[in-house]
N, C-alpha and C. Protein backbone atom coordinates (compact mmCIF):
# COMPACT_ATOMS: atom_id res chain seq x y z
N UNK A 1 87.18 98.55 86.56
CA UNK A 1 87.08 97.18 86.65
C UNK A 1 86.39 96.49 85.47
N UNK A 2 86.89 95.41 84.84
CA UNK A 2 86.40 94.79 83.84
C UNK A 2 86.08 93.35 84.36
N UNK A 3 84.57 92.77 84.35
CA UNK A 3 84.30 91.54 84.74
C UNK A 3 84.26 90.73 83.64
N UNK A 4 84.82 89.39 83.85
CA UNK A 4 84.79 88.42 82.75
C UNK A 4 84.54 87.02 83.42
N UNK A 5 83.88 86.15 82.63
CA UNK A 5 83.51 84.89 83.05
C UNK A 5 82.02 84.64 83.02
N UNK A 6 81.44 84.04 83.99
CA UNK A 6 80.08 83.85 84.04
C UNK A 6 79.24 85.28 84.12
N UNK A 7 79.82 86.15 84.52
CA UNK A 7 79.29 87.62 84.68
C UNK A 7 80.28 88.30 83.85
N UNK A 8 79.66 89.25 83.00
CA UNK A 8 80.61 90.39 82.27
C UNK A 8 80.09 91.58 82.48
N UNK A 9 80.96 92.71 82.43
CA UNK A 9 80.62 94.12 82.60
C UNK A 9 81.66 94.97 82.98
N UNK A 10 81.33 96.03 83.49
CA UNK A 10 82.35 97.12 83.97
C UNK A 10 82.01 97.60 85.32
N UNK A 11 82.96 98.15 86.13
CA UNK A 11 82.68 98.77 87.42
C UNK A 11 83.90 99.41 87.93
N UNK A 12 84.00 99.48 89.18
CA UNK A 12 85.03 100.35 89.96
C UNK A 12 85.35 99.65 91.29
N UNK A 13 86.60 100.11 91.73
CA UNK A 13 86.77 99.64 93.13
C UNK A 13 87.62 100.83 93.93
N UNK A 14 87.53 100.93 95.08
CA UNK A 14 88.02 102.05 95.83
C UNK A 14 88.88 101.37 97.00
N UNK A 15 90.15 101.60 97.08
CA UNK A 15 90.81 101.31 98.34
C UNK A 15 91.05 102.41 99.26
N UNK A 16 90.69 102.17 100.48
CA UNK A 16 91.00 103.38 101.41
C UNK A 16 92.34 103.32 102.15
N UNK A 17 92.57 104.30 102.75
CA UNK A 17 93.96 104.67 103.42
C UNK A 17 94.00 103.54 104.70
N UNK A 18 92.85 103.20 105.09
CA UNK A 18 92.80 102.28 106.23
C UNK A 18 92.95 100.91 105.79
N UNK A 19 93.44 100.49 104.66
CA UNK A 19 93.66 99.12 104.17
C UNK A 19 92.43 98.39 104.06
N UNK A 20 91.42 98.80 103.34
CA UNK A 20 90.19 98.13 103.08
C UNK A 20 89.85 98.39 101.63
N UNK A 21 89.24 97.35 100.92
CA UNK A 21 88.52 97.68 99.70
C UNK A 21 86.99 98.14 100.17
N UNK A 22 87.03 99.50 99.97
CA UNK A 22 85.83 100.10 100.54
C UNK A 22 84.68 99.67 99.75
N UNK A 23 84.79 99.59 98.41
CA UNK A 23 83.69 99.14 97.60
C UNK A 23 84.35 98.52 96.32
N UNK A 24 83.71 97.49 95.88
CA UNK A 24 83.91 96.90 94.48
C UNK A 24 82.60 96.72 93.96
N UNK A 25 82.33 97.37 92.89
CA UNK A 25 80.99 97.29 92.33
C UNK A 25 81.06 97.43 90.91
N UNK A 26 80.00 96.81 90.27
CA UNK A 26 80.08 96.65 88.90
C UNK A 26 78.49 96.46 88.32
N UNK A 27 78.33 96.90 87.16
CA UNK A 27 77.01 96.61 86.42
C UNK A 27 77.38 95.38 85.55
N UNK A 28 76.90 94.21 85.73
CA UNK A 28 77.20 93.03 85.01
C UNK A 28 75.94 92.36 84.49
N UNK A 29 76.23 91.44 83.42
CA UNK A 29 75.34 90.62 82.84
C UNK A 29 75.70 89.17 83.05
N UNK A 30 74.57 88.35 83.52
CA UNK A 30 75.01 86.89 83.59
C UNK A 30 74.71 86.38 82.17
N UNK A 31 75.97 85.74 81.75
CA UNK A 31 76.04 85.30 80.30
C UNK A 31 75.18 84.15 80.00
N UNK A 32 74.77 83.25 80.98
CA UNK A 32 73.90 82.17 80.87
C UNK A 32 72.45 82.67 80.46
N UNK A 33 72.00 83.68 81.21
CA UNK A 33 70.62 83.90 81.10
C UNK A 33 70.40 85.46 80.56
N UNK A 34 71.33 86.24 80.39
CA UNK A 34 71.12 87.59 80.11
C UNK A 34 70.63 88.67 81.05
N UNK A 35 70.38 88.01 82.43
CA UNK A 35 70.10 88.93 83.53
C UNK A 35 71.12 89.86 83.84
N UNK A 36 70.58 91.15 83.99
CA UNK A 36 71.61 92.18 84.46
C UNK A 36 71.27 92.68 85.93
N UNK A 37 72.21 93.25 86.49
CA UNK A 37 72.27 93.59 87.75
C UNK A 37 73.67 94.08 88.35
N UNK A 38 73.69 94.20 89.63
CA UNK A 38 75.01 94.76 90.35
C UNK A 38 75.97 93.57 90.92
N UNK A 39 77.16 93.71 90.79
CA UNK A 39 78.16 93.04 91.38
C UNK A 39 78.64 93.97 92.62
N UNK A 40 78.70 93.55 94.02
CA UNK A 40 78.90 94.46 94.81
C UNK A 40 79.59 93.66 96.16
N UNK A 41 80.68 94.29 96.52
CA UNK A 41 81.38 93.70 97.81
C UNK A 41 81.86 94.99 98.68
N UNK A 42 81.78 94.98 99.76
CA UNK A 42 82.03 96.22 100.73
C UNK A 42 83.03 95.90 101.80
N UNK A 43 83.81 96.80 102.16
CA UNK A 43 84.66 96.64 103.36
C UNK A 43 85.53 95.37 103.56
N UNK A 44 86.23 94.89 102.38
CA UNK A 44 87.02 93.85 102.49
C UNK A 44 88.52 94.22 102.99
N UNK A 45 88.76 93.51 104.06
CA UNK A 45 90.11 94.09 104.59
C UNK A 45 91.21 93.59 103.66
N UNK A 46 92.23 94.29 103.72
CA UNK A 46 93.46 94.03 103.05
C UNK A 46 94.61 93.51 103.94
N UNK A 47 95.17 92.41 103.65
CA UNK A 47 96.33 91.87 104.49
C UNK A 47 97.64 91.70 103.51
N UNK A 48 98.49 92.61 103.66
CA UNK A 48 99.61 92.67 102.78
C UNK A 48 99.13 92.63 101.27
N UNK A 49 98.15 93.30 100.97
CA UNK A 49 97.74 93.55 99.69
C UNK A 49 96.84 92.62 99.06
N UNK A 50 96.44 91.53 99.89
CA UNK A 50 95.56 90.43 99.56
C UNK A 50 94.20 90.57 100.25
N UNK A 51 93.08 90.17 99.67
CA UNK A 51 91.77 90.35 100.44
C UNK A 51 90.99 89.03 99.91
N UNK A 52 90.14 88.69 100.85
CA UNK A 52 89.06 87.71 100.55
C UNK A 52 87.82 88.16 101.34
N UNK A 53 86.82 87.70 100.87
CA UNK A 53 85.57 88.11 101.35
C UNK A 53 84.18 87.83 100.58
N UNK A 54 83.23 88.16 101.11
CA UNK A 54 81.98 87.87 100.32
C UNK A 54 81.27 89.21 99.84
N UNK A 55 80.51 89.08 98.86
CA UNK A 55 79.61 90.09 98.33
C UNK A 55 78.34 89.48 97.53
N UNK A 56 77.78 90.34 96.78
CA UNK A 56 76.57 89.73 96.02
C UNK A 56 76.78 89.97 94.53
N UNK A 57 76.29 89.13 93.72
CA UNK A 57 76.03 89.41 92.41
C UNK A 57 74.69 89.14 92.08
N UNK A 58 73.94 90.11 91.37
CA UNK A 58 72.60 89.92 91.04
C UNK A 58 71.66 89.42 92.27
N UNK A 59 72.13 89.80 93.49
CA UNK A 59 71.43 89.46 94.73
C UNK A 59 71.91 88.04 95.34
N UNK A 60 72.76 87.41 94.54
CA UNK A 60 73.09 86.11 95.19
C UNK A 60 74.51 86.17 95.76
N UNK A 61 74.97 85.30 96.74
CA UNK A 61 76.12 85.47 97.41
C UNK A 61 77.20 85.18 96.50
N UNK A 62 78.40 85.89 96.47
CA UNK A 62 79.52 85.48 95.68
C UNK A 62 80.82 85.67 96.68
N UNK A 63 81.79 84.63 96.61
CA UNK A 63 83.02 84.90 97.35
C UNK A 63 84.14 85.26 96.33
N UNK A 64 84.90 86.30 96.94
CA UNK A 64 85.95 86.93 96.14
C UNK A 64 87.32 86.64 96.85
N UNK A 65 88.38 86.63 95.97
CA UNK A 65 89.70 86.36 96.56
C UNK A 65 90.69 87.16 95.46
N UNK A 66 91.49 88.09 96.09
CA UNK A 66 92.12 88.81 95.01
C UNK A 66 93.34 89.74 95.79
N UNK A 67 93.75 90.59 94.99
CA UNK A 67 94.99 91.43 95.48
C UNK A 67 94.82 92.83 94.98
N UNK A 68 95.39 93.84 95.68
CA UNK A 68 95.48 95.28 95.20
C UNK A 68 97.02 95.65 95.31
N UNK A 69 97.39 96.15 94.17
CA UNK A 69 98.89 96.57 94.35
C UNK A 69 98.96 97.97 94.07
N UNK A 70 99.78 98.73 94.88
CA UNK A 70 99.89 100.25 94.81
C UNK A 70 101.15 100.33 93.71
N UNK A 71 100.99 101.51 92.99
CA UNK A 71 102.09 101.75 91.85
C UNK A 71 103.58 102.19 92.77
N UNK A 72 104.49 101.44 92.32
CA UNK A 72 105.96 101.84 92.88
C UNK A 72 106.67 102.60 91.90
N UNK A 73 106.16 102.52 90.62
CA UNK A 73 106.90 103.34 89.53
C UNK A 73 107.94 102.55 88.81
N UNK A 74 108.25 101.30 89.49
CA UNK A 74 109.29 100.40 88.80
C UNK A 74 108.70 99.12 88.36
N UNK A 75 108.27 98.31 89.11
CA UNK A 75 107.67 97.16 88.69
C UNK A 75 106.16 97.25 88.50
N UNK A 76 105.48 97.86 89.45
CA UNK A 76 103.91 98.09 89.10
C UNK A 76 103.83 99.61 88.86
N UNK A 77 103.68 99.91 87.46
CA UNK A 77 103.67 101.17 86.96
C UNK A 77 102.50 101.87 87.37
N UNK A 78 101.21 101.26 87.27
CA UNK A 78 99.85 102.03 87.73
C UNK A 78 99.39 100.92 88.81
N UNK A 79 98.72 101.73 89.62
CA UNK A 79 97.88 100.79 90.67
C UNK A 79 96.82 99.95 90.13
N UNK A 80 96.75 98.71 90.47
CA UNK A 80 95.83 97.72 89.93
C UNK A 80 95.36 96.93 91.16
N UNK A 81 94.19 96.35 90.70
CA UNK A 81 93.47 95.38 91.52
C UNK A 81 92.75 94.18 90.72
N UNK A 82 92.98 93.10 91.20
CA UNK A 82 92.38 91.90 90.38
C UNK A 82 91.77 90.86 91.44
N UNK A 83 90.87 90.22 90.96
CA UNK A 83 90.34 89.05 92.02
C UNK A 83 89.43 88.07 91.14
N UNK A 84 89.45 86.91 91.70
CA UNK A 84 88.54 85.77 91.27
C UNK A 84 87.35 85.72 92.04
N UNK A 85 86.32 85.35 91.57
CA UNK A 85 84.94 85.22 92.19
C UNK A 85 84.22 84.05 91.84
N UNK A 86 83.46 83.41 92.72
CA UNK A 86 82.66 82.25 92.57
C UNK A 86 81.34 82.34 93.35
N UNK A 87 80.20 81.96 92.79
CA UNK A 87 78.88 81.89 93.41
C UNK A 87 78.67 80.59 94.00
N UNK A 88 77.83 80.41 94.97
CA UNK A 88 77.56 79.12 95.62
C UNK A 88 77.07 78.04 94.54
N UNK A 89 76.60 78.60 93.41
CA UNK A 89 76.22 77.44 92.31
C UNK A 89 77.27 77.05 91.50
N UNK A 90 78.62 77.75 91.67
CA UNK A 90 79.76 77.37 90.93
C UNK A 90 80.10 78.33 89.74
N UNK A 91 79.31 79.19 89.58
CA UNK A 91 79.61 80.28 88.45
C UNK A 91 80.63 81.22 88.72
N UNK A 92 81.58 81.50 88.11
CA UNK A 92 82.67 82.29 88.53
C UNK A 92 83.29 83.15 87.45
N UNK A 93 84.31 83.68 87.65
CA UNK A 93 85.07 84.57 86.84
C UNK A 93 86.15 85.45 87.49
N UNK A 94 86.65 86.48 86.78
CA UNK A 94 87.56 87.42 87.16
C UNK A 94 87.27 88.72 87.01
N UNK A 95 87.73 89.76 87.95
CA UNK A 95 87.53 91.11 87.66
C UNK A 95 89.04 91.60 87.66
N UNK A 96 89.27 92.71 86.89
CA UNK A 96 90.59 93.35 86.88
C UNK A 96 90.43 94.90 86.50
N UNK A 97 91.41 95.65 87.11
CA UNK A 97 91.20 97.08 86.88
C UNK A 97 92.57 97.75 87.35
N UNK A 98 92.80 98.86 86.74
CA UNK A 98 93.82 99.75 87.09
C UNK A 98 93.45 101.21 87.03
N UNK A 99 94.25 101.96 87.84
CA UNK A 99 94.05 103.47 87.98
C UNK A 99 94.50 104.19 86.60
């Protein structure tokens, strides 16, 4: 996963066979302050490939909304996941990744 926006960095995501984003985690830096820490969201349920939920970024609540797509070999060549995120203070960004 690549994080961009108010927080930048890299991480990973794991989608389970039981249709959940088991973990979405990243080591990120807050652009405005230079503070570093983790971006983390766990057990986000998938509904037809889409997910919404909450996590934390540098210990503060963050809301996520995104989708995970499995590779079909035709339109989606590799599995991928993408989401938008925003904190309570309005700082936000996107995270994207592929397998």
